[in-house]
Amino acid sequence: MGYILLQTDFGGTSAVMSGMCKLVSRDLHVYDLTHFVPKFNVKKAGENIAEVMPYWPAGTVFVSVCDPGVGTPRRACVAKTSNGCYVVTPDNGTLSPIMDRFGIDEVREIDQTINRYHGNEWSDKSDIFHGRDIFAYCGARLSAGVISFEQVGPAYPIGEIVTL
């Protein structure tokens, strides 16, 4: 079963994302990268992933939720890096350090009609739980092999990725 690493700027309230991953598949290997990214510091979030990515096998899924634009129309995406890993994140600049160090082969916008959790009365009524309902859920489905990278959603041009 796949590896999934979680990173947020939430502080100590991130267990809900780990729980979501385990709801998708109890067999997933879920690890915390950190949950103490400085609040809304998307550059640091990208640097954290770029720093540890070389030590994880191809196919590893990194979920990063450092999101000053939560509730706005920014894209939720999954990027496939040139070294074969995946990064699930808001498209808000987090991918810049990863793109600079490893390259990105393809990026897809998360199709939230398919890859968003709809399992309770709160999940469809609130944008503040994107970390749980979109990013962790989609990342876990990808890591567990429930969906392929192509099933994440439509591809968009790499040149449209938000950079710092």
Foldseek 3Di string as FASTA:
>chain_A
DFEEEEEACQPPPCVLLVVLLVVLPVPYHYYYLYNNDPALPLCVLLVSCQVCVVVDAAAYEYEYERDPPQPHPFFFKWWQWQRRYIYTYGLAANCAVVCVRTNTDWMFTAPCVPQFDPPDPVRVPDRPVCSRGHRSSNRSCCRVVVDDNPNRHGIDDPVPRDHD
